[in-house]
PDB file of N, CA and C in Angstrom:
ATOM      1  N   MET A   1     -64.042-128.580  -2.258  1.00  0.00           N
ATOM      2  CA  MET A   1     -63.290-128.969  -2.221  1.00  0.00           C
ATOM      3  C   MET A   1     -63.309-129.698  -3.806  1.00  0.00           C
ATOM      4  N   HIS A   2     -62.410-129.896  -4.218  1.00  0.00           N
ATOM      5  CA  HIS A   2     -61.969-130.904  -5.214  1.00  0.00           C
ATOM      6  C   HIS A   2     -61.735-132.611  -4.648  1.00  0.00           C
ATOM      7  N   GLN A   3     -62.495-133.341  -5.492  1.00  0.00           N
ATOM      8  CA  GLN A   3     -61.850-134.484  -5.856  1.00  0.00           C
ATOM      9  C   GLN A   3     -62.689-135.386  -6.897  1.00  0.00           C
ATOM     10  N   VAL A   4     -61.736-136.672  -7.083  1.00  0.00           N
ATOM     11  CA  VAL A   4     -61.973-137.681  -8.156  1.00  0.00           C
ATOM     12  C   VAL A   4     -62.935-138.365  -8.307  1.00  0.00           C
ATOM     13  N   ILE A   5     -64.101-138.696  -8.413  1.00  0.00           N
ATOM     14  CA  ILE A   5     -64.966-139.478  -8.639  1.00  0.00           C
ATOM     15  C   ILE A   5     -64.936-140.443  -9.985  1.00  0.00           C
ATOM     16  N   TYR A   6     -65.812-141.572  -8.744  1.00  0.00           N
ATOM     17  CA  TYR A   6     -65.526-142.645 -10.103  1.00  0.00           C
ATOM     18  C   TYR A   6     -67.123-143.212 -10.578  1.00  0.00           C
ATOM     19  N   ALA A   7     -67.267-143.137 -11.669  1.00  0.00           N
ATOM     20  CA  ALA A   7     -68.320-143.563 -11.582  1.00  0.00           C
ATOM     21  C   ALA A   7     -68.235-145.179 -12.844  1.00  0.00           C
ATOM     22  N   LEU A   8     -69.066-146.400 -12.382  1.00  0.00           N
ATOM     23  CA  LEU A   8     -68.526-147.728 -13.170  1.00  0.00           C
ATOM     24  C   LEU A   8     -69.613-148.132 -13.445  1.00  0.00           C
ATOM     25  N   VAL A   9     -69.908-148.243 -15.118  1.00  0.00           N
ATOM     26  CA  VAL A   9     -70.743-148.904 -15.788  1.00  0.00           C
ATOM     27  C   VAL A   9     -70.073-149.390 -16.504  1.00  0.00           C
ATOM     28  N   GLU A  10     -71.390-149.917 -16.831  1.00  0.00           N
ATOM     29  CA  GLU A  10     -71.296-151.178 -18.032  1.00  0.00           C
ATOM     30  C   GLU A  10     -71.632-151.063 -19.538  1.00  0.00           C
ATOM     31  N   ALA A  11     -70.002-151.848 -20.019  1.00  0.00           N
ATOM     32  CA  ALA A  11     -70.371-150.899 -21.538  1.00  0.00           C
ATOM     33  C   ALA A  11     -69.522-151.943 -22.311  1.00  0.00           C
ATOM     34  N   SER A  12     -70.325-151.762 -23.627  1.00  0.00           N
ATOM     35  CA  SER A  12     -69.339-152.253 -24.425  1.00  0.00           C
ATOM     36  C   SER A  12     -68.172-152.039 -25.116  1.00  0.00           C
ATOM     37  N   THR A  13     -67.849-150.402 -25.219  1.00  0.00           N
ATOM     38  CA  THR A  13     -67.130-149.880 -25.626  1.00  0.00           C
ATOM     39  C   THR A  13     -66.940-148.427 -24.472  1.00  0.00           C
ATOM     40  N   GLU A  14     -65.630-147.941 -25.114  1.00  0.00           N
ATOM     41  CA  GLU A  14     -65.249-146.470 -24.145  1.00  0.00           C
ATOM     42  C   GLU A  14     -66.049-145.434 -24.720  1.00  0.00           C
ATOM     43  N   ASP A  15     -66.545-145.045 -25.907  1.00  0.00           N
ATOM     44  CA  ASP A  15     -67.392-144.632 -26.148  1.00  0.00           C
ATOM     45  C   ASP A  15     -68.313-144.046 -24.911  1.00  0.00           C
ATOM     46  N   THR A  16     -69.802-145.808 -24.988  1.00  0.00           N
ATOM     47  CA  THR A  16     -70.446-145.666 -24.541  1.00  0.00           C
ATOM     48  C   THR A  16     -70.056-145.996 -23.339  1.00  0.00           C
ATOM     49  N   ALA A  17     -69.233-146.075 -22.777  1.00  0.00           N
ATOM     50  CA  ALA A  17     -69.423-146.054 -21.534  1.00  0.00           C
ATOM     51  C   ALA A  17     -69.328-144.086 -21.143  1.00  0.00           C
ATOM     52  N   LEU A  18     -68.326-143.990 -21.366  1.00  0.00           N
ATOM     53  CA  LEU A  18     -68.009-142.311 -20.883  1.00  0.00           C
ATOM     54  C   LEU A  18     -69.346-141.491 -21.131  1.00  0.00           C
ATOM     55  N   ALA A  19     -70.347-142.060 -21.978  1.00  0.00           N
ATOM     56  CA  ALA A  19     -71.620-141.277 -22.470  1.00  0.00           C
ATOM     57  C   ALA A  19     -72.207-141.680 -20.943  1.00  0.00           C
ATOM     58  N   CYS A  20     -72.265-143.239 -20.902  1.00  0.00           N
ATOM     59  CA  CYS A  20     -72.489-143.375 -19.535  1.00  0.00           C
ATOM     60  C   CYS A  20     -72.576-142.721 -18.057  1.00  0.00           C
ATOM     61  N   ALA A  21     -71.081-142.585 -18.030  1.00  0.00           N
ATOM     62  CA  ALA A  21     -70.624-141.690 -16.680  1.00  0.00           C
ATOM     63  C   ALA A  21     -70.777-140.456 -17.308  1.00  0.00           C
ATOM     64  N   LYS A  22     -70.407-139.561 -18.145  1.00  0.00           N
ATOM     65  CA  LYS A  22     -71.365-138.797 -17.928  1.00  0.00           C
ATOM     66  C   LYS A  22     -72.547-138.163 -17.893  1.00  0.00           C
ATOM     67  N   ALA A  23     -73.836-139.094 -17.968  1.00  0.00           N
ATOM     68  CA  ALA A  23     -75.004-138.898 -17.587  1.00  0.00           C
ATOM     69  C   ALA A  23     -75.050-139.045 -16.444  1.00  0.00           C
ATOM     70  N   ALA A  24     -74.069-139.567 -15.690  1.00  0.00           N
ATOM     71  CA  ALA A  24     -74.417-140.357 -14.217  1.00  0.00           C
ATOM     72  C   ALA A  24     -74.115-138.973 -13.864  1.00  0.00           C
ATOM     73  N   PHE A  25     -72.205-138.546 -14.036  1.00  0.00           N
ATOM     74  CA  PHE A  25     -72.216-136.619 -13.240  1.00  0.00           C
ATOM     75  C   PHE A  25     -72.815-135.941 -13.494  1.00  0.00           C
ATOM     76  N   ASP A  26     -73.896-136.072 -14.981  1.00  0.00           N
ATOM     77  CA  ASP A  26     -75.021-134.571 -15.069  1.00  0.00           C
ATOM     78  C   ASP A  26     -76.084-134.582 -13.748  1.00  0.00           C
ATOM     79  N   ARG A  27     -76.231-136.189 -13.586  1.00  0.00           N
ATOM     80  CA  ARG A  27     -77.147-136.396 -12.667  1.00  0.00           C
ATOM     81  C   ARG A  27     -76.285-135.764 -11.158  1.00  0.00           C
ATOM     82  N   LEU A  28     -75.270-135.758 -10.811  1.00  0.00           N
ATOM     83  CA  LEU A  28     -74.811-135.099  -9.810  1.00  0.00           C
ATOM     84  C   LEU A  28     -74.667-133.882  -9.441  1.00  0.00           C
ATOM     85  N   VAL A  29     -75.211-133.520 -10.896  1.00  0.00           N
ATOM     86  CA  VAL A  29     -74.221-131.524 -11.086  1.00  0.00           C
ATOM     87  C   VAL A  29     -75.927-130.719 -11.287  1.00  0.00           C
ATOM     88  N   GLY A  30     -77.040-131.682 -10.926  1.00  0.00           N
ATOM     89  CA  GLY A  30     -78.655-131.584 -10.954  1.00  0.00           C
ATOM     90  C   GLY A  30     -78.524-130.984 -12.584  1.00  0.00           C
ATOM     91  N   ALA A  31     -78.185-131.700 -13.407  1.00  0.00           N
ATOM     92  CA  ALA A  31     -78.271-130.725 -15.125  1.00  0.00           C
ATOM     93  C   ALA A  31     -79.911-131.244 -15.059  1.00  0.00           C
ATOM     94  N   GLY A  32     -80.447-132.695 -14.554  1.00  0.00           N
ATOM     95  CA  GLY A  32     -81.939-132.790 -15.238  1.00  0.00           C
ATOM     96  C   GLY A  32     -83.087-132.389 -14.383  1.00  0.00           C
ATOM     97  N   PRO A  33     -83.996-132.184 -14.430  1.00  0.00           N
ATOM     98  CA  PRO A  33     -85.206-130.919 -14.059  1.00  0.00           C
ATOM     99  C   PRO A  33     -85.881-131.936 -12.638  1.00  0.00           C
ATOM    100  N   ASP A  34     -85.297-133.127 -12.726  1.00  0.00           N
ATOM    101  CA  ASP A  34     -85.375-133.683 -11.434  1.00  0.00           C
ATOM    102  C   ASP A  34     -84.347-134.413 -10.135  1.00  0.00           C
ATOM    103  N   THR A  35     -83.636-133.859 -10.354  1.00  0.00           N
ATOM    104  CA  THR A  35     -82.114-134.084  -9.588  1.00  0.00           C
ATOM    105  C   THR A  35     -81.760-132.555  -8.771  1.00  0.00           C
ATOM    106  N   ALA A  36     -81.119-133.895  -7.707  1.00  0.00           N
ATOM    107  CA  ALA A  36     -80.350-132.051  -6.874  1.00  0.00           C
ATOM    108  C   ALA A  36     -78.762-132.147  -7.240  1.00  0.00           C
ATOM    109  N   ALA A  37     -78.471-131.070  -6.959  1.00  0.00           N
ATOM    110  CA  ALA A  37     -77.071-130.880  -7.001  1.00  0.00           C
ATOM    111  C   ALA A  37     -76.522-131.353  -6.249  1.00  0.00           C
ATOM    112  N   ILE A  38     -75.257-132.432  -5.974  1.00  0.00           N
ATOM    113  CA  ILE A  38     -74.517-132.962  -4.956  1.00  0.00           C
ATOM    114  C   ILE A  38     -72.972-132.255  -5.407  1.00  0.00           C
ATOM    115  N   PHE A  39     -72.563-131.495  -6.553  1.00  0.00           N
ATOM    116  CA  PHE A  39     -71.515-131.018  -7.089  1.00  0.00           C
ATOM    117  C   PHE A  39     -71.790-129.962  -7.528  1.00  0.00           C
ATOM    118  N   ASP A  40     -71.096-129.025  -7.530  1.00  0.00           N
ATOM    119  CA  ASP A  40     -71.162-128.191  -8.386  1.00  0.00           C
ATOM    120  C   ASP A  40     -70.645-127.661  -9.880  1.00  0.00           C
ATOM    121  N   TYR A  41     -69.894-129.053 -10.330  1.00  0.00           N
ATOM    122  CA  TYR A  41     -69.661-129.411 -11.573  1.00  0.00           C
ATOM    123  C   TYR A  41     -68.362-130.338 -11.908  1.00  0.00           C
ATOM    124  N   TYR A  42     -68.269-131.261 -12.799  1.00  0.00           N
ATOM    125  CA  TYR A  42     -67.086-132.017 -12.958  1.00  0.00           C
ATOM    126  C   TYR A  42     -66.658-131.573 -14.446  1.00  0.00           C
ATOM    127  N   VAL A  43     -65.625-132.223 -14.576  1.00  0.00           N
ATOM    128  CA  VAL A  43     -64.731-132.180 -16.043  1.00  0.00           C
ATOM    129  C   VAL A  43     -63.713-133.637 -15.702  1.00  0.00           C
ATOM    130  N   ILE A  44     -64.041-133.862 -17.137  1.00  0.00           N
ATOM    131  CA  ILE A  44     -64.438-135.330 -17.291  1.00  0.00           C
ATOM    132  C   ILE A  44     -62.411-135.203 -17.662  1.00  0.00           C
ATOM    133  N   PHE A  45     -61.805-136.025 -17.486  1.00  0.00           N
ATOM    134  CA  PHE A  45     -59.867-136.541 -17.626  1.00  0.00           C
ATOM    135  C   PHE A  45     -59.629-136.661 -19.589  1.00  0.00           C
ATOM    136  N   ASP A  46     -60.980-135.921 -20.476  1.00  0.00           N
ATOM    137  CA  ASP A  46     -60.087-136.053 -21.330  1.00  0.00           C
ATOM    138  C   ASP A  46     -60.249-134.280 -21.932  1.00  0.00           C
ATOM    139  N   ASP A  47     -60.732-133.620 -21.462  1.00  0.00           N
ATOM    140  CA  ASP A  47     -61.346-132.161 -20.907  1.00  0.00           C
ATOM    141  C   ASP A  47     -60.638-131.391 -20.947  1.00  0.00           C
ATOM    142  N   GLU A  48     -59.274-130.554 -22.394  1.00  0.00           N
ATOM    143  CA  GLU A  48     -58.730-129.908 -22.283  1.00  0.00           C
ATOM    144  C   GLU A  48     -58.688-128.739 -21.575  1.00  0.00           C
ATOM    145  N   ARG A  49     -60.485-128.363 -21.449  1.00  0.00           N
ATOM    146  CA  ARG A  49     -60.670-126.944 -21.701  1.00  0.00           C
ATOM    147  C   ARG A  49     -60.136-125.490 -19.570  1.00  0.00           C
ATOM    148  N   SER A  50     -60.120-127.023 -19.056  1.00  0.00           N
ATOM    149  CA  SER A  50     -60.061-125.890 -17.235  1.00  0.00           C
ATOM    150  C   SER A  50     -58.378-126.230 -17.507  1.00  0.00           C
ATOM    151  N   SER A  51     -58.786-125.052 -16.688  1.00  0.00           N
ATOM    152  CA  SER A  51     -57.211-124.672 -16.205  1.00  0.00           C
ATOM    153  C   SER A  51     -57.006-124.720 -14.467  1.00  0.00           C
ATOM    154  N   VAL A  52     -58.238-125.218 -14.076  1.00  0.00           N
ATOM    155  CA  VAL A  52     -58.279-125.566 -12.263  1.00  0.00           C
ATOM    156  C   VAL A  52     -59.060-126.976 -11.844  1.00  0.00           C
ATOM    157  N   ALA A  53     -59.053-127.556 -13.172  1.00  0.00           N
ATOM    158  CA  ALA A  53     -59.610-129.370 -12.911  1.00  0.00           C
ATOM    159  C   ALA A  53     -59.275-130.130 -13.687  1.00  0.00           C
ATOM    160  N   GLY A  54     -59.562-131.447 -13.379  1.00  0.00           N
ATOM    161  CA  GLY A  54     -59.303-131.960 -14.349  1.00  0.00           C
ATOM    162  C   GLY A  54     -57.808-132.523 -14.525  1.00  0.00           C
ATOM    163  N   LYS A  55     -57.315-132.661 -15.563  1.00  0.00           N
ATOM    164  CA  LYS A  55     -55.988-132.539 -15.944  1.00  0.00           C
ATOM    165  C   LYS A  55     -55.082-131.565 -15.391  1.00  0.00           C
ATOM    166  N   ALA A  56     -55.277-130.629 -15.201  1.00  0.00           N
ATOM    167  CA  ALA A  56     -54.774-129.418 -14.787  1.00  0.00           C
ATOM    168  C   ALA A  56     -54.365-129.685 -13.382  1.00  0.00           C
ATOM    169  N   ARG A  57     -55.550-129.669 -12.268  1.00  0.00           N
ATOM    170  CA  ARG A  57     -55.110-130.099 -10.885  1.00  0.00           C
ATOM    171  C   ARG A  57     -54.638-131.478 -10.521  1.00  0.00           C
ATOM    172  N   TRP A  58     -54.817-132.935 -11.342  1.00  0.00           N
ATOM    173  CA  TRP A  58     -54.268-133.075 -10.971  1.00  0.00           C
ATOM    174  C   TRP A  58     -53.397-134.106 -11.594  1.00  0.00           C
ATOM    175  N   GLY A  59     -53.405-134.230 -12.831  1.00  0.00           N
ATOM    176  CA  GLY A  59     -51.999-134.720 -13.963  1.00  0.00           C
ATOM    177  C   GLY A  59     -52.727-135.548 -15.079  1.00  0.00           C
ATOM    178  N   GLU A  60     -52.007-136.550 -15.283  1.00  0.00           N
ATOM    179  CA  GLU A  60     -52.565-137.749 -16.338  1.00  0.00           C
ATOM    180  C   GLU A  60     -53.273-138.880 -15.331  1.00  0.00           C
ATOM    181  N   LEU A  61     -54.959-138.695 -15.151  1.00  0.00           N
ATOM    182  CA  LEU A  61     -54.698-139.549 -15.191  1.00  0.00           C
ATOM    183  C   LEU A  61     -55.834-140.525 -16.394  1.00  0.00           C
ATOM    184  N   PRO A  62     -56.077-141.684 -15.920  1.00  0.00           N
ATOM    185  CA  PRO A  62     -56.727-142.484 -17.762  1.00  0.00           C
ATOM    186  C   PRO A  62     -58.920-141.611 -17.621  1.00  0.00           C
ATOM    187  N   LYS A  63     -59.121-141.725 -18.548  1.00  0.00           N
ATOM    188  CA  LYS A  63     -60.857-141.329 -18.687  1.00  0.00           C
ATOM    189  C   LYS A  63     -61.770-142.291 -18.237  1.00  0.00           C
ATOM    190  N   SER A  64     -60.680-143.441 -18.782  1.00  0.00           N
ATOM    191  CA  SER A  64     -61.366-144.590 -18.804  1.00  0.00           C
ATOM    192  C   SER A  64     -60.476-146.010 -18.684  1.00  0.00           C
ATOM    193  N   ILE A  65     -60.923-147.098 -18.004  1.00  0.00           N
ATOM    194  CA  ILE A  65     -60.330-147.988 -17.645  1.00  0.00           C
ATOM    195  C   ILE A  65     -60.870-148.895 -17.770  1.00  0.00           C
ATOM    196  N   VAL A  66     -60.779-150.130 -18.890  1.00  0.00           N
ATOM    197  CA  VAL A  66     -61.292-151.669 -19.262  1.00  0.00           C
ATOM    198  C   VAL A  66     -60.896-152.068 -18.304  1.00  0.00           C
ATOM    199  N   THR A  67     -62.049-152.911 -17.524  1.00  0.00           N
ATOM    200  CA  THR A  67     -61.744-154.076 -16.963  1.00  0.00           C
ATOM    201  C   THR A  67     -62.460-155.290 -17.537  1.00  0.00           C
ATOM    202  N   THR A  68     -61.532-156.677 -16.891  1.00  0.00           N
ATOM    203  CA  THR A  68     -61.790-157.845 -17.599  1.00  0.00           C
ATOM    204  C   THR A  68     -63.457-158.739 -17.102  1.00  0.00           C
ATOM    205  N   PHE A  69     -63.710-157.906 -16.509  1.00  0.00           N
ATOM    206  CA  PHE A  69     -65.511-158.183 -15.615  1.00  0.00           C
ATOM    207  C   PHE A  69     -65.955-157.568 -16.374  1.00  0.00           C
ATOM    208  N   SER A  70     -67.154-158.669 -17.440  1.00  0.00           N
ATOM    209  CA  SER A  70     -67.983-158.632 -17.595  1.00  0.00           C
ATOM    210  C   SER A  70     -67.959-156.899 -18.609  1.00  0.00           C
ATOM    211  N   GLY A  71     -66.742-156.573 -19.035  1.00  0.00           N
ATOM    212  CA  GLY A  71     -66.683-155.561 -20.296  1.00  0.00           C
ATOM    213  C   GLY A  71     -66.941-154.058 -19.531  1.00  0.00           C
ATOM    214  N   VAL A  72     -67.290-154.234 -18.111  1.00  0.00           N
ATOM    215  CA  VAL A  72     -67.211-153.110 -17.116  1.00  0.00           C
ATOM    216  C   VAL A  72     -65.731-151.958 -16.811  1.00  0.00           C
ATOM    217  N   LEU A  73     -66.492-150.843 -17.683  1.00  0.00           N
ATOM    218  CA  LEU A  73     -65.462-149.388 -18.028  1.00  0.00           C
ATOM    219  C   LEU A  73     -65.417-148.676 -16.115  1.00  0.00           C
ATOM    220  N   VAL A  74     -64.552-148.320 -16.457  1.00  0.00           N
ATOM    221  CA  VAL A  74     -64.530-147.129 -15.237  1.00  0.00           C
ATOM    222  C   VAL A  74     -64.006-145.645 -15.502  1.00  0.00           C
ATOM    223  N   SER A  75     -64.888-144.524 -15.270  1.00  0.00           N
ATOM    224  CA  SER A  75     -64.460-143.633 -15.800  1.00  0.00           C
ATOM    225  C   SER A  75     -64.233-142.592 -14.250  1.00  0.00           C
ATOM    226  N   ALA A  76     -63.338-141.544 -14.570  1.00  0.00           N
ATOM    227  CA  ALA A  76     -63.522-140.717 -13.849  1.00  0.00           C
ATOM    228  C   ALA A  76     -63.661-139.599 -14.015  1.00  0.00           C
ATOM    229  N   CYS A  77     -63.700-138.229 -12.912  1.00  0.00           N
ATOM    230  CA  CYS A  77     -63.702-137.318 -13.266  1.00  0.00           C
ATOM    231  C   CYS A  77     -63.712-136.409 -12.070  1.00  0.00           C
ATOM    232  N   ASP A  78     -63.329-135.574 -12.332  1.00  0.00           N
ATOM    233  CA  ASP A  78     -62.803-134.247 -11.138  1.00  0.00           C
ATOM    234  C   ASP A  78     -64.412-133.353 -10.848  1.00  0.00           C
ATOM    235  N   GLY A  79     -64.574-133.259  -9.772  1.00  0.00           N
ATOM    236  CA  GLY A  79     -66.074-132.567  -8.919  1.00  0.00           C
ATOM    237  C   GLY A  79     -65.651-131.659  -8.279  1.00  0.00           C
ATOM    238  N   ILE A  80     -65.924-131.217  -7.720  1.00  0.00           N
ATOM    239  CA  ILE A  80     -66.253-130.321  -6.487  1.00  0.00           C
ATOM    240  C   ILE A  80     -67.632-129.707  -6.052  1.00  0.00           C
ATOM    241  N   GLY A  81     -67.537-129.768  -4.911  1.00  0.00           N
ATOM    242  CA  GLY A  81     -69.095-129.821  -4.075  1.00  0.00           C
ATOM    243  C   GLY A  81     -68.454-129.375  -2.633  1.00  0.00           C
TER     244      GLY A  81
END
Protein backbone atom coordinates (compact mmCIF):
# COMPACT_ATOMS: atom_id res chain seq x y z
CA MET A 1 0.00 0.00 0.00
CA HIS A 2 1.40 3.40 -0.99
CA GLN A 3 1.16 6.22 1.51
CA VAL A 4 2.49 9.72 1.96
CA ILE A 5 5.01 9.89 4.80
CA TYR A 6 6.21 13.13 6.37
CA ALA A 7 9.42 13.78 8.28
CA LEU A 8 9.49 16.73 10.62
CA VAL A 9 13.06 18.01 10.87
CA GLU A 10 14.71 21.15 12.17
CA ALA A 11 17.00 22.82 9.66
CA SER A 12 18.06 26.27 8.55
CA THR A 13 17.79 25.58 4.80
CA GLU A 14 15.62 23.49 2.52
CA ASP A 15 18.64 21.49 1.33
CA THR A 16 19.58 20.59 4.90
CA ALA A 17 15.99 19.66 5.69
CA LEU A 18 15.79 17.38 2.66
CA ALA A 19 19.09 15.72 3.59
CA CYS A 20 17.84 15.12 7.16
CA ALA A 21 14.50 13.81 5.88
CA LYS A 22 16.23 11.47 3.41
CA ALA A 23 18.37 10.12 6.27
CA ALA A 24 15.19 9.42 8.26
CA PHE A 25 13.55 7.75 5.26
CA ASP A 26 16.72 5.70 4.64
CA ARG A 27 16.37 4.29 8.16
CA LEU A 28 12.72 3.40 7.44
CA VAL A 29 13.76 1.32 4.43
CA GLY A 30 16.60 -0.39 6.30
CA ALA A 31 19.42 1.32 4.43
CA GLY A 32 21.78 1.14 7.42
CA PRO A 33 23.38 -1.99 8.90
CA ASP A 34 21.54 -1.53 12.21
CA THR A 35 18.08 -0.73 10.86
CA ALA A 36 15.19 -3.00 9.96
CA ALA A 37 13.06 -2.13 6.94
CA ILE A 38 9.58 -0.85 7.72
CA PHE A 39 8.92 0.25 4.12
CA ASP A 40 10.12 -1.28 0.85
CA TYR A 41 11.25 2.01 -0.67
CA TYR A 42 10.58 5.75 -0.75
CA VAL A 43 10.47 8.46 -3.39
CA ILE A 44 10.92 12.14 -2.52
CA PHE A 45 8.53 14.39 -4.43
CA ASP A 46 11.37 16.10 -6.33
CA ASP A 47 12.35 12.76 -7.93
CA GLU A 48 11.10 12.57 -11.53
CA ARG A 49 12.41 9.04 -12.27
CA SER A 50 9.50 7.01 -10.88
CA SER A 51 6.43 6.28 -12.98
CA VAL A 52 4.53 4.64 -10.09
CA ALA A 53 5.35 6.71 -6.98
CA GLY A 54 5.81 10.28 -5.87
CA LYS A 55 4.39 12.79 -8.37
CA ALA A 56 3.28 10.01 -10.71
CA ARG A 57 0.92 8.65 -8.03
CA TRP A 58 -0.03 11.70 -5.98
CA GLY A 59 0.39 14.65 -8.35
CA GLU A 60 2.11 17.88 -7.44
CA LEU A 61 2.88 17.89 -3.72
CA PRO A 62 5.61 20.05 -2.21
CA LYS A 63 8.92 18.36 -1.46
CA SER A 64 9.18 20.51 1.63
CA ILE A 65 7.21 23.09 3.53
CA VAL A 66 8.85 25.83 5.57
CA THR A 67 7.00 26.63 8.76
CA THR A 68 7.37 29.65 10.99
CA PHE A 69 7.93 27.45 14.04
CA SER A 70 11.68 27.58 14.78
CA GLY A 71 12.73 27.14 11.15
CA VAL A 72 11.31 23.64 10.98
CA LEU A 73 10.81 22.13 7.56
CA VAL A 74 8.64 19.19 6.65
CA SER A 75 9.55 16.84 3.84
CA ALA A 76 7.15 14.38 2.23
CA CYS A 77 7.77 11.14 0.43
CA ASP A 78 5.76 8.30 -1.03
CA GLY A 79 6.49 5.03 0.78
CA ILE A 80 5.26 1.52 0.24
CA GLY A 81 5.17 -1.06 2.93
